[in-house]
Amino acid sequence: MHCTAERQQQLAGPPEIQLFLYDLLLMKLIDDGDYKNAKEFGDFVYARLKNVNLRTLDHLGAKAMYFIALANEKMGLLASVRPLMFDSYKTACLRKDLIGQATITNVILRSYLSQNLYEQARQFIIKTTFPQSSSNNQYSRYLYYLGRIKAVQL
């Protein structure tokens, strides 16, 4: 029996449901302490997410990027995922994905601060703008990281 591409898409479900399930699985792997599989699965999710341009995936995509960074951080590889985050930040800016911009900005700042790269973090803040319409949680994290950077500068 032959399955057409359309039929295969129907079997897989809409991308929103797929990404929601991916996020749940990433969260479960991280909660269980299975960071190696979470990192590998995160790489798979990133590859899938990179090929889809739907506004309905902005929230779920931002959450997936956070979990990908968290899995890499738990393995001590947060610095190695920074180029991937810069690429994702650029894509979020081009797509006007404010949720993704806010989340990825915080992930990048977290990665800089984890390695005590305060000057690079300051330069990143100077060259970017944090979205005004971001959630209170993301804005609070941003202000926390900004405060840490300014405290070290003083």
C-alpha atoms as a PDB file:
ATOM      1  CA  MET A   1       0.000   0.000   0.000  1.00  0.00           C
ATOM      2  CA  HIS A   2       1.390   3.357  -1.046  1.00  0.00           C
ATOM      3  CA  CYS A   3       1.200   6.378   1.217  1.00  0.00           C
ATOM      4  CA  THR A   4       1.263   9.755  -0.383  1.00  0.00           C
ATOM      5  CA  ALA A   5       3.029  12.690   1.250  1.00  0.00           C
ATOM      6  CA  GLU A   6      -0.363  14.168   2.151  1.00  0.00           C
ATOM      7  CA  ARG A   7      -1.440  10.948   3.841  1.00  0.00           C
ATOM      8  CA  GLN A   8       1.823  10.751   5.774  1.00  0.00           C
ATOM      9  CA  GLN A   9       1.255  14.336   6.973  1.00  0.00           C
ATOM     10  CA  GLN A  10      -2.247  13.386   8.132  1.00  0.00           C
ATOM     11  CA  LEU A  11      -0.828  10.450  10.065  1.00  0.00           C
ATOM     12  CA  ALA A  12       1.782  12.656  11.725  1.00  0.00           C
ATOM     13  CA  GLY A  13      -0.703  15.373  12.647  1.00  0.00           C
ATOM     14  CA  PRO A  14      -0.451  19.129  12.424  1.00  0.00           C
ATOM     15  CA  PRO A  15       2.935  20.678  13.222  1.00  0.00           C
ATOM     16  CA  GLU A  16       1.509  22.372  16.337  1.00  0.00           C
ATOM     17  CA  ILE A  17       0.619  19.022  17.891  1.00  0.00           C
ATOM     18  CA  GLN A  18       3.947  17.509  16.880  1.00  0.00           C
ATOM     19  CA  LEU A  19       5.908  20.364  18.442  1.00  0.00           C
ATOM     20  CA  PHE A  20       3.775  20.257  21.588  1.00  0.00           C
ATOM     21  CA  LEU A  21       4.560  16.564  21.978  1.00  0.00           C
ATOM     22  CA  TYR A  22       8.247  17.222  21.257  1.00  0.00           C
ATOM     23  CA  ASP A  23       8.278  19.849  24.022  1.00  0.00           C
ATOM     24  CA  LEU A  24       6.642  17.432  26.442  1.00  0.00           C
ATOM     25  CA  LEU A  25       9.158  14.720  25.612  1.00  0.00           C
ATOM     26  CA  LEU A  26      12.083  17.119  25.987  1.00  0.00           C
ATOM     27  CA  MET A  27      10.755  18.240  29.348  1.00  0.00           C
ATOM     28  CA  LYS A  28      10.310  14.626  30.481  1.00  0.00           C
ATOM     29  CA  LEU A  29      13.830  13.650  29.412  1.00  0.00           C
ATOM     30  CA  ILE A  30      15.304  16.627  31.271  1.00  0.00           C
ATOM     31  CA  ASP A  31      13.206  15.960  34.381  1.00  0.00           C
ATOM     32  CA  ASP A  32      14.339  12.322  34.379  1.00  0.00           C
ATOM     33  CA  GLY A  33      17.983  13.384  34.148  1.00  0.00           C
ATOM     34  CA  ASP A  34      18.496  11.757  30.746  1.00  0.00           C
ATOM     35  CA  TYR A  35      20.434  14.736  29.396  1.00  0.00           C
ATOM     36  CA  LYS A  36      22.259  12.841  26.648  1.00  0.00           C
ATOM     37  CA  ASN A  37      19.021  11.710  25.008  1.00  0.00           C
ATOM     38  CA  ALA A  38      17.464  15.128  25.659  1.00  0.00           C
ATOM     39  CA  LYS A  39      20.361  16.759  23.796  1.00  0.00           C
ATOM     40  CA  GLU A  40      20.088  14.347  20.880  1.00  0.00           C
ATOM     41  CA  PHE A  41      16.330  14.746  20.711  1.00  0.00           C
ATOM     42  CA  GLY A  42      16.761  18.519  21.007  1.00  0.00           C
ATOM     43  CA  ASP A  43      18.999  18.460  17.933  1.00  0.00           C
ATOM     44  CA  PHE A  44      16.256  16.595  16.078  1.00  0.00           C
ATOM     45  CA  VAL A  45      13.603  19.100  17.236  1.00  0.00           C
ATOM     46  CA  TYR A  46      15.783  22.032  16.167  1.00  0.00           C
ATOM     47  CA  ALA A  47      16.227  20.530  12.687  1.00  0.00           C
ATOM     48  CA  ARG A  48      12.443  20.076  12.377  1.00  0.00           C
ATOM     49  CA  LEU A  49      11.698  23.530  13.760  1.00  0.00           C
ATOM     50  CA  LYS A  50      14.142  25.229  11.426  1.00  0.00           C
ATOM     51  CA  ASN A  51      12.168  24.086   8.364  1.00  0.00           C
ATOM     52  CA  VAL A  52       8.769  25.344   9.529  1.00  0.00           C
ATOM     53  CA  ASN A  53       7.603  28.957   9.353  1.00  0.00           C
ATOM     54  CA  LEU A  54       4.227  29.171  11.082  1.00  0.00           C
ATOM     55  CA  ARG A  55       3.215  31.927  13.497  1.00  0.00           C
ATOM     56  CA  THR A  56       1.191  29.375  15.456  1.00  0.00           C
ATOM     57  CA  LEU A  57       4.455  27.678  16.446  1.00  0.00           C
ATOM     58  CA  ASP A  58       6.096  30.741  18.013  1.00  0.00           C
ATOM     59  CA  HIS A  59       5.260  29.872  21.639  1.00  0.00           C
ATOM     60  CA  LEU A  60       6.063  26.200  21.272  1.00  0.00           C
ATOM     61  CA  GLY A  61       9.233  26.906  19.306  1.00  0.00           C
ATOM     62  CA  ALA A  62      10.488  29.296  21.969  1.00  0.00           C
ATOM     63  CA  LYS A  63       9.825  26.698  24.651  1.00  0.00           C
ATOM     64  CA  ALA A  64      11.650  24.069  22.576  1.00  0.00           C
ATOM     65  CA  MET A  65      14.669  26.374  22.213  1.00  0.00           C
ATOM     66  CA  TYR A  66      14.715  26.873  25.979  1.00  0.00           C
ATOM     67  CA  PHE A  67      14.620  23.114  26.601  1.00  0.00           C
ATOM     68  CA  ILE A  68      17.357  22.530  24.017  1.00  0.00           C
ATOM     69  CA  ALA A  69      19.560  25.065  25.788  1.00  0.00           C
ATOM     70  CA  LEU A  70      18.723  23.567  29.185  1.00  0.00           C
ATOM     71  CA  ALA A  71      19.656  20.058  28.052  1.00  0.00           C
ATOM     72  CA  ASN A  72      22.965  21.354  26.711  1.00  0.00           C
ATOM     73  CA  GLU A  73      23.571  23.327  29.909  1.00  0.00           C
ATOM     74  CA  LYS A  74      23.035  20.231  32.052  1.00  0.00           C
ATOM     75  CA  MET A  75      25.655  18.426  29.979  1.00  0.00           C
ATOM     76  CA  GLY A  76      28.080  21.350  30.291  1.00  0.00           C
ATOM     77  CA  LEU A  77      27.783  22.225  26.601  1.00  0.00           C
ATOM     78  CA  LEU A  78      25.903  25.531  26.810  1.00  0.00           C
ATOM     79  CA  ALA A  79      28.747  27.431  25.132  1.00  0.00           C
ATOM     80  CA  SER A  80      28.718  25.038  22.169  1.00  0.00           C
ATOM     81  CA  VAL A  81      25.028  25.693  21.527  1.00  0.00           C
ATOM     82  CA  ARG A  82      25.535  29.484  21.432  1.00  0.00           C
ATOM     83  CA  PRO A  83      26.013  29.640  17.611  1.00  0.00           C
ATOM     84  CA  LEU A  84      22.760  27.703  17.195  1.00  0.00           C
ATOM     85  CA  MET A  85      21.037  30.231  19.463  1.00  0.00           C
ATOM     86  CA  PHE A  86      22.458  33.164  17.496  1.00  0.00           C
ATOM     87  CA  ASP A  87      21.112  31.596  14.318  1.00  0.00           C
ATOM     88  CA  SER A  88      17.730  31.088  15.969  1.00  0.00           C
ATOM     89  CA  TYR A  89      17.742  34.667  17.246  1.00  0.00           C
ATOM     90  CA  LYS A  90      18.429  35.962  13.747  1.00  0.00           C
ATOM     91  CA  THR A  91      15.596  33.846  12.361  1.00  0.00           C
ATOM     92  CA  ALA A  92      13.221  35.034  15.102  1.00  0.00           C
ATOM     93  CA  CYS A  93      14.071  38.658  14.287  1.00  0.00           C
ATOM     94  CA  LEU A  94      13.494  38.136  10.578  1.00  0.00           C
ATOM     95  CA  ARG A  95      10.148  36.437  11.239  1.00  0.00           C
ATOM     96  CA  LYS A  96       9.157  39.093  13.814  1.00  0.00           C
ATOM     97  CA  ASP A  97       8.742  36.337  16.404  1.00  0.00           C
ATOM     98  CA  LEU A  98       8.790  38.429  19.588  1.00  0.00           C
ATOM     99  CA  ILE A  99       8.361  35.457  21.908  1.00  0.00           C
ATOM    100  CA  GLY A 100      11.297  33.668  20.321  1.00  0.00           C
ATOM    101  CA  GLN A 101      13.427  36.808  20.450  1.00  0.00           C
ATOM    102  CA  ALA A 102      12.784  37.287  24.167  1.00  0.00           C
ATOM    103  CA  THR A 103      13.405  33.647  25.059  1.00  0.00           C
ATOM    104  CA  ILE A 104      16.534  33.275  22.957  1.00  0.00           C
ATOM    105  CA  THR A 105      17.936  36.603  24.211  1.00  0.00           C
ATOM    106  CA  ASN A 106      17.678  35.263  27.750  1.00  0.00           C
ATOM    107  CA  VAL A 107      19.255  31.942  26.754  1.00  0.00           C
ATOM    108  CA  ILE A 108      22.196  33.733  25.119  1.00  0.00           C
ATOM    109  CA  LEU A 109      22.682  35.976  28.152  1.00  0.00           C
ATOM    110  CA  ARG A 110      22.508  32.952  30.432  1.00  0.00           C
ATOM    111  CA  SER A 111      25.153  31.225  28.344  1.00  0.00           C
ATOM    112  CA  TYR A 112      27.468  34.245  28.549  1.00  0.00           C
ATOM    113  CA  LEU A 113      26.991  34.665  32.285  1.00  0.00           C
ATOM    114  CA  SER A 114      27.574  30.972  32.976  1.00  0.00           C
ATOM    115  CA  GLN A 115      31.096  31.438  31.611  1.00  0.00           C
ATOM    116  CA  ASN A 116      31.628  34.863  33.225  1.00  0.00           C
ATOM    117  CA  LEU A 117      31.739  36.561  29.796  1.00  0.00           C
ATOM    118  CA  TYR A 118      30.251  39.806  31.087  1.00  0.00           C
ATOM    119  CA  GLU A 119      31.723  42.060  28.402  1.00  0.00           C
ATOM    120  CA  GLN A 120      30.326  39.906  25.588  1.00  0.00           C
ATOM    121  CA  ALA A 121      26.957  39.879  27.335  1.00  0.00           C
ATOM    122  CA  ARG A 122      27.053  43.667  27.623  1.00  0.00           C
ATOM    123  CA  GLN A 123      27.913  43.993  23.931  1.00  0.00           C
ATOM    124  CA  PHE A 124      25.033  41.683  23.034  1.00  0.00           C
ATOM    125  CA  ILE A 125      22.628  43.806  25.083  1.00  0.00           C
ATOM    126  CA  ILE A 126      23.874  46.991  23.444  1.00  0.00           C
ATOM    127  CA  LYS A 127      23.418  45.606  19.926  1.00  0.00           C
ATOM    128  CA  THR A 128      19.968  44.106  20.465  1.00  0.00           C
ATOM    129  CA  THR A 129      16.629  45.341  21.706  1.00  0.00           C
ATOM    130  CA  PHE A 130      14.454  43.337  24.020  1.00  0.00           C
ATOM    131  CA  PRO A 131      10.847  43.052  22.737  1.00  0.00           C
ATOM    132  CA  GLN A 132       8.515  45.373  24.621  1.00  0.00           C
ATOM    133  CA  SER A 133       5.547  43.032  24.371  1.00  0.00           C
ATOM    134  CA  SER A 134       7.271  40.027  25.925  1.00  0.00           C
ATOM    135  CA  SER A 135       5.838  38.133  28.869  1.00  0.00           C
ATOM    136  CA  ASN A 136       6.535  39.274  32.414  1.00  0.00           C
ATOM    137  CA  ASN A 137       8.532  36.107  33.064  1.00  0.00           C
ATOM    138  CA  GLN A 138      10.899  36.728  30.166  1.00  0.00           C
ATOM    139  CA  TYR A 139      11.215  40.416  30.973  1.00  0.00           C
ATOM    140  CA  SER A 140      11.993  39.612  34.631  1.00  0.00           C
ATOM    141  CA  ARG A 141      14.734  37.187  33.562  1.00  0.00           C
ATOM    142  CA  TYR A 142      16.142  39.798  31.208  1.00  0.00           C
ATOM    143  CA  LEU A 143      16.230  42.403  33.987  1.00  0.00           C
ATOM    144  CA  TYR A 144      17.893  39.884  36.316  1.00  0.00           C
ATOM    145  CA  TYR A 145      20.642  39.168  33.782  1.00  0.00           C
ATOM    146  CA  LEU A 146      20.989  42.877  33.046  1.00  0.00           C
ATOM    147  CA  GLY A 147      21.348  43.560  36.780  1.00  0.00           C
ATOM    148  CA  ARG A 148      24.050  40.913  37.144  1.00  0.00           C
ATOM    149  CA  ILE A 149      25.997  42.413  34.260  1.00  0.00           C
ATOM    150  CA  LYS A 150      25.732  45.933  35.653  1.00  0.00           C
ATOM    151  CA  ALA A 151      26.690  44.781  39.151  1.00  0.00           C
ATOM    152  CA  VAL A 152      29.903  43.232  37.838  1.00  0.00           C
ATOM    153  CA  GLN A 153      30.701  46.361  35.843  1.00  0.00           C
ATOM    154  CA  LEU A 154      30.463  48.495  38.981  1.00  0.00           C
END
